[in-house]
Protein backbone atom coordinates (compact mmCIF):
# COMPACT_ATOMS: atom_id res chain seq x y z
CA MET A 1 116.33 111.77 116.60
CA SER A 2 117.97 108.68 115.47
CA ARG A 3 118.39 109.17 111.61
CA ARG A 4 116.76 105.96 111.06
CA ILE A 5 113.77 106.94 110.37
CA GLY A 6 111.87 105.90 113.37
CA LEU A 7 113.07 110.12 113.37
CA VAL A 8 109.54 110.22 116.00
CA GLY A 9 109.42 106.62 113.65
CA LEU A 10 108.68 108.88 111.03
CA VAL A 11 105.86 109.73 112.49
CA TRP A 12 106.71 112.68 111.48
CA LEU A 13 106.65 112.27 108.30
CA LEU A 14 109.26 112.79 104.68
CA ALA A 15 108.68 113.43 101.16
CA VAL A 16 111.22 114.24 98.66
CA PRO A 17 112.01 116.21 94.51
CA ALA A 18 113.06 113.16 92.62
CA LEU A 19 116.33 113.40 89.77
CA THR A 20 114.49 112.23 86.60
CA GLY A 21 115.10 113.78 83.23
CA ALA A 22 111.19 114.64 82.98
CA PRO A 23 110.86 117.18 80.41
CA ILE A 24 108.58 120.52 81.86
CA ARG A 25 106.56 121.83 79.23
CA LYS A 26 107.00 125.38 79.17
CA PRO A 27 104.60 127.46 77.88
CA ALA A 28 104.44 131.15 76.06
CA GLY A 29 102.62 133.74 77.65
CA GLY A 30 103.50 133.35 81.26
CA ALA A 31 101.19 130.53 81.35
CA ALA A 32 101.74 127.68 84.78
CA MET A 33 104.30 125.18 84.20
CA ALA A 34 101.70 122.35 85.13
CA ASP A 35 104.66 120.14 86.68
CA THR A 36 106.65 123.08 88.64
CA TYR A 37 106.06 124.97 91.93
CA VAL A 38 108.00 128.21 93.88
CA LEU A 39 108.17 127.06 97.50
CA GLU A 40 108.23 130.86 99.02
CA THR A 41 109.74 130.78 101.98
CA ASN A 42 111.04 133.24 104.07
CA GLN A 43 114.68 131.82 103.98
CA GLY A 44 114.01 132.67 99.91
CA ASN A 45 112.20 130.89 97.08
CA ILE A 46 112.70 126.86 96.45
CA THR A 47 111.41 126.01 92.62
CA ILE A 48 110.87 122.04 92.30
CA GLU A 49 109.51 120.32 89.55
CA LEU A 50 106.88 116.85 90.46
CA ASP A 51 107.42 113.99 88.23
CA ARG A 52 104.57 112.61 87.23
CA GLN A 53 105.23 110.07 84.94
CA LYS A 54 107.47 107.82 87.78
CA ALA A 55 105.50 109.33 90.50
CA PRO A 56 101.88 110.39 89.75
CA LEU A 57 99.62 109.41 92.67
CA HIS A 58 102.38 111.75 95.02
CA ALA A 59 103.27 114.61 92.12
CA ALA A 60 99.35 114.88 92.16
CA ASN A 61 99.03 114.62 96.03
CA PHE A 62 101.35 117.27 96.45
CA ALA A 63 100.12 119.93 93.62
CA SER A 64 96.40 119.18 95.14
CA TYR A 65 97.47 120.02 98.31
CA ALA A 66 99.62 123.69 96.70
CA ASP A 67 96.80 124.09 94.70
CA SER A 68 94.03 124.31 97.55
CA GLY A 69 96.78 126.71 99.32
CA PHE A 70 96.84 124.34 102.09
CA PHE A 71 100.86 124.70 102.83
CA ASP A 72 100.59 128.21 102.90
CA GLY A 73 101.74 129.19 106.09
CA LEU A 74 103.42 126.50 107.71
CA ILE A 75 106.71 126.04 108.37
CA PHE A 76 110.11 123.28 108.28
CA HIS A 77 108.79 121.94 111.87
CA ARG A 78 112.12 119.23 111.14
CA VAL A 79 115.60 120.42 110.22
CA ILE A 80 118.19 118.10 110.86
CA ARG A 81 121.36 118.55 109.12
CA ASP A 82 123.59 116.30 106.46
CA PHE A 83 119.48 114.00 106.94
CA MET A 84 116.66 116.21 105.27
CA ILE A 85 114.52 118.98 106.34
CA GLN A 86 110.87 118.36 106.37
CA ALA A 87 107.50 120.55 105.62
CA GLY A 88 103.80 120.06 105.45
CA GLY A 89 102.06 119.49 108.43
CA HIS A 90 102.86 121.90 111.24
CA THR A 91 102.08 126.10 112.18
CA PRO A 92 104.31 128.20 113.25
CA ASP A 93 103.12 127.35 117.25
CA MET A 94 103.77 123.47 116.57
CA ARG A 95 99.83 123.17 115.60
CA GLN A 96 99.76 120.13 113.45
CA LYS A 97 97.31 121.03 110.61
CA PRO A 98 95.07 117.84 109.71
CA ALA A 99 95.72 116.54 106.86
CA THR A 100 92.60 117.16 104.07
CA GLY A 101 93.06 115.02 101.30
CA ALA A 102 93.10 110.91 101.31
CA LYS A 103 96.14 109.13 102.25
CA VAL A 104 98.59 108.19 99.46
CA LYS A 105 99.92 104.54 98.14
CA ASN A 106 103.68 104.47 98.05
CA GLU A 107 105.46 103.96 95.14
CA SER A 108 109.36 103.35 96.23
CA LEU A 109 109.61 101.24 93.19
CA ASN A 110 109.27 103.89 90.68
CA GLY A 111 112.90 103.71 90.26
CA LEU A 112 113.16 106.84 91.49
CA LYS A 113 116.03 107.57 94.65
CA ASN A 114 115.48 109.69 98.08
CA LEU A 115 119.32 111.76 96.76
CA ARG A 116 120.70 115.18 97.21
CA GLY A 117 117.92 117.36 96.24
CA THR A 118 114.98 115.24 95.64
CA LEU A 119 111.25 115.66 97.31
CA ALA A 120 110.22 112.69 99.07
CA ALA A 121 106.89 111.69 101.05
CA ALA A 122 106.67 111.77 104.26
CA ARG A 123 105.17 109.15 106.36
CA THR A 124 105.03 106.45 108.94
CA SER A 125 105.40 103.30 109.54
CA ASP A 126 102.73 102.57 107.31
CA PRO A 127 104.02 101.86 103.64
CA ASP A 128 100.87 103.59 102.06
CA SER A 129 100.27 106.42 105.46
CA ALA A 130 101.81 110.04 102.95
CA SER A 131 99.44 112.49 103.57
CA SER A 132 100.51 116.00 103.85
CA GLN A 133 104.12 116.30 104.72
CA PHE A 134 107.12 115.89 102.82
CA PHE A 135 110.53 116.13 102.66
CA ILE A 136 113.64 116.85 101.10
CA ASN A 137 116.74 114.90 101.54
CA LEU A 138 119.70 117.15 102.44
CA LYS A 139 122.67 114.52 100.71
CA ASP A 140 121.89 110.44 99.33
CA ASN A 141 120.12 108.45 101.72
CA ALA A 142 120.41 105.64 99.21
CA PHE A 143 118.43 104.06 103.31
CA LEU A 144 115.29 105.20 102.89
CA ASP A 145 114.62 104.19 98.71
CA GLY A 146 112.48 101.14 98.47
CA ASP A 147 114.06 98.12 95.97
CA PRO A 148 112.21 96.36 93.27
CA ARG A 149 114.57 93.19 92.97
CA THR A 150 113.18 92.48 97.56
CA GLN A 151 110.33 94.80 97.23
CA LYS A 152 111.85 96.85 99.64
CA VAL A 153 108.78 100.08 100.79
CA GLY A 154 111.20 103.22 100.85
CA TYR A 155 110.01 106.53 100.92
CA SER A 156 108.43 107.81 98.02
CA VAL A 157 110.52 110.38 95.91
CA PHE A 158 108.11 112.75 93.28
CA GLY A 159 110.07 115.42 92.77
CA ARG A 160 112.98 117.34 92.66
CA VAL A 161 114.37 120.74 93.07
CA THR A 162 115.59 122.88 90.47
CA ALA A 163 116.75 125.96 91.72
CA GLY A 164 117.26 127.28 94.83
CA MET A 165 120.02 124.21 97.11
CA ASP A 166 121.22 127.76 98.51
CA VAL A 167 118.22 128.23 100.48
CA VAL A 168 117.58 124.69 101.34
CA ASP A 169 121.33 124.30 103.04
CA LYS A 170 120.53 127.87 104.82
CA ILE A 171 117.65 126.43 106.17
CA ALA A 172 119.55 122.51 106.93
CA ALA A 173 121.96 125.27 109.01
CA VAL A 174 119.60 127.09 111.09
CA ARG A 175 119.39 126.35 114.56
CA THR A 176 117.33 123.62 116.16
CA GLY A 177 115.95 122.78 119.96
CA THR A 178 112.94 120.53 121.27
CA GLN A 179 109.65 122.02 121.25
CA GLY A 180 106.88 120.42 122.83
CA GLY A 181 108.41 117.52 123.24
CA LEU A 182 109.51 117.31 119.15
CA ASN A 183 113.35 117.69 118.82
CA ASP A 184 114.78 119.10 115.62
CA VAL A 185 112.92 121.57 115.20
CA PRO A 186 114.08 125.30 114.13
CA THR A 187 113.93 127.80 116.85
CA GLU A 188 112.91 130.26 114.53
CA PRO A 189 110.26 129.65 112.06
CA VAL A 190 111.04 128.53 108.87
CA VAL A 191 108.20 129.93 106.89
CA ILE A 192 106.50 128.58 103.63
CA LYS A 193 105.12 131.62 102.43
CA SER A 194 103.84 130.18 99.49
CA VAL A 195 103.94 127.09 97.23
CA LYS A 196 102.66 128.18 93.73
CA LYS A 197 102.64 127.28 89.72
CA ALA A 198 105.83 128.62 87.93
CA THR A 199 105.29 131.13 85.31
CA LYS A 200 107.38 131.13 82.73
């Protein structure tokens, strides 16, 4: 599988968190933190902060899927060391779960970069085809960035990991193989148990 976003022509889409300084609202009394979610996996927890200011469409899209329980029980179906880990579209038996929302307009010209630990939206060759699938960058992947100067579109970053990069790296190190004609599939399912809003 090529590392160029041909990644199965990126028919296996991507998506990632952005490293921004946007503050997180922290309500008192254990209230939900609106822009922070916890991905509970069978490898540990990953906390992410969405950037609703710079990537409002993709942040809202991810939140909608998370709040509806869409991600619960799905897997990280694509793991490529020194590149990214991808989820949001397949069950443990590698069946593709149909996206329930509309396609999201590309926001890769928002200035956010595909840096290590960022969350970005997976898509096909169509810049505006992102839906439920996302990926977490394992390193700085500048070739995925959009360029506002040239209007070159890239992969929309909409959040970042704020805790649990050790879990991300643990997932990145799992053994992978070919399953159902697809490459880079973990041989033992890396399951997302739930994705829920974080509380204080």
